[in-house]
């Protein structure tokens, strides 16, 4: 993984983020040191890549990948089209 344990997402900073959000640091430290959820995270990442996700945010409407951040009007048109199709 590129950038792992570097900069913003270093273990030290992740621990600070955990503390700031009120997580139990004992549980967080155990999870981080044992990679408890690593397989689940990798599976979710692989599923996202398989679905065509290559950036965040990515949005799907009726299973169609409409890409990343766009103007509100672009989403509205696609949502209204999807709603019209459901109403038929």
Protein backbone atom coordinates (compact mmCIF):
# COMPACT_ATOMS: atom_id res chain seq x y z
CA UNK A 1 0.00 0.00 0.00
CA UNK A 2 1.40 3.35 -0.99
CA UNK A 3 1.74 5.79 1.87
CA UNK A 4 1.08 3.25 4.60
CA UNK A 5 2.21 4.49 8.02
CA UNK A 6 3.30 7.83 6.62
CA UNK A 7 2.22 11.41 7.18
CA UNK A 8 -1.38 11.99 8.11
CA UNK A 9 -2.16 8.29 8.51
CA UNK A 10 0.81 7.27 10.61
CA UNK A 11 0.04 4.99 13.55
CA UNK A 12 0.68 7.90 15.90
CA UNK A 13 -1.80 10.14 14.13
CA UNK A 14 -4.39 7.38 13.85
CA UNK A 15 -4.16 6.92 17.62
CA UNK A 16 -4.68 10.67 18.11
CA UNK A 17 -7.74 10.54 15.82
CA UNK A 18 -9.07 7.57 17.80
CA UNK A 19 -8.64 9.43 21.06
CA UNK A 20 -10.29 12.57 19.65
CA UNK A 21 -13.35 10.58 18.60
CA UNK A 22 -13.71 8.92 21.99
CA UNK A 23 -12.72 5.40 21.01
CA UNK A 24 -11.37 3.05 23.64
CA UNK A 25 -7.62 3.34 23.14
CA UNK A 26 -7.02 -0.14 24.58
CA UNK A 27 -9.35 -1.68 21.99
CA UNK A 28 -7.97 0.55 19.24
CA UNK A 29 -4.36 -0.35 20.05
CA UNK A 30 -5.20 -4.07 20.09
CA UNK A 31 -7.03 -3.83 16.78
CA UNK A 32 -4.24 -1.83 15.16
CA UNK A 33 -1.40 -4.02 16.42
CA UNK A 34 -3.06 -7.31 15.42
CA UNK A 35 -4.54 -6.16 12.09
CA UNK A 36 -7.82 -7.60 13.37
CA UNK A 37 -9.90 -6.23 10.48
CA UNK A 38 -7.27 -6.15 7.76
CA UNK A 39 -8.84 -8.97 5.72
CA UNK A 40 -12.27 -7.28 5.87
CA UNK A 41 -10.85 -3.90 4.84
CA UNK A 42 -8.93 -5.49 1.95
CA UNK A 43 -12.06 -7.37 0.81
CA UNK A 44 -14.09 -4.14 0.89
CA UNK A 45 -11.35 -2.33 -1.04
CA UNK A 46 -11.20 -5.11 -3.64
CA UNK A 47 -15.00 -5.00 -4.04
CA UNK A 48 -14.84 -1.23 -4.55
CA UNK A 49 -12.12 -1.56 -7.18
CA UNK A 50 -14.12 -4.31 -8.93
CA UNK A 51 -17.14 -1.96 -8.97
CA UNK A 52 -15.09 0.74 -10.68
CA UNK A 53 -14.42 2.96 -7.68
CA UNK A 54 -11.17 4.84 -8.14
CA UNK A 55 -11.75 7.95 -6.05
CA UNK A 56 -13.73 9.31 -3.16
CA UNK A 57 -16.40 10.24 -3.14
CA UNK A 58 -17.94 7.86 -5.67
CA UNK A 59 -21.70 7.60 -6.01
CA UNK A 60 -23.92 4.88 -7.41
CA UNK A 61 -27.52 5.31 -8.49
CA UNK A 62 -29.36 2.11 -9.36
CA UNK A 63 -26.01 0.37 -9.61
CA UNK A 64 -24.59 2.90 -12.08
CA UNK A 65 -21.28 4.43 -11.08
CA UNK A 66 -21.77 8.16 -11.62
CA UNK A 67 -18.25 9.02 -10.52
CA UNK A 68 -16.91 11.47 -8.06
CA UNK A 69 -17.87 14.90 -6.85
CA UNK A 70 -20.04 16.77 -9.34
CA UNK A 71 -22.35 19.75 -9.43
CA UNK A 72 -25.69 19.27 -7.65
CA UNK A 73 -27.60 19.52 -10.94
CA UNK A 74 -25.83 16.45 -12.36
CA UNK A 75 -26.95 14.35 -9.41
CA UNK A 76 -30.47 15.75 -9.56
CA UNK A 77 -30.88 14.81 -13.23
CA UNK A 78 -29.69 11.25 -12.62
CA UNK A 79 -31.83 10.85 -9.49
CA UNK A 80 -34.93 12.16 -11.23
CA UNK A 81 -34.29 9.82 -14.18
CA UNK A 82 -33.93 6.86 -11.80
CA UNK A 83 -37.13 7.82 -9.96
CA UNK A 84 -39.00 8.09 -13.25
CA UNK A 85 -37.83 4.62 -14.25
CA UNK A 86 -39.03 3.17 -10.95
CA UNK A 87 -42.42 4.87 -11.39
CA UNK A 88 -43.01 3.20 -14.76
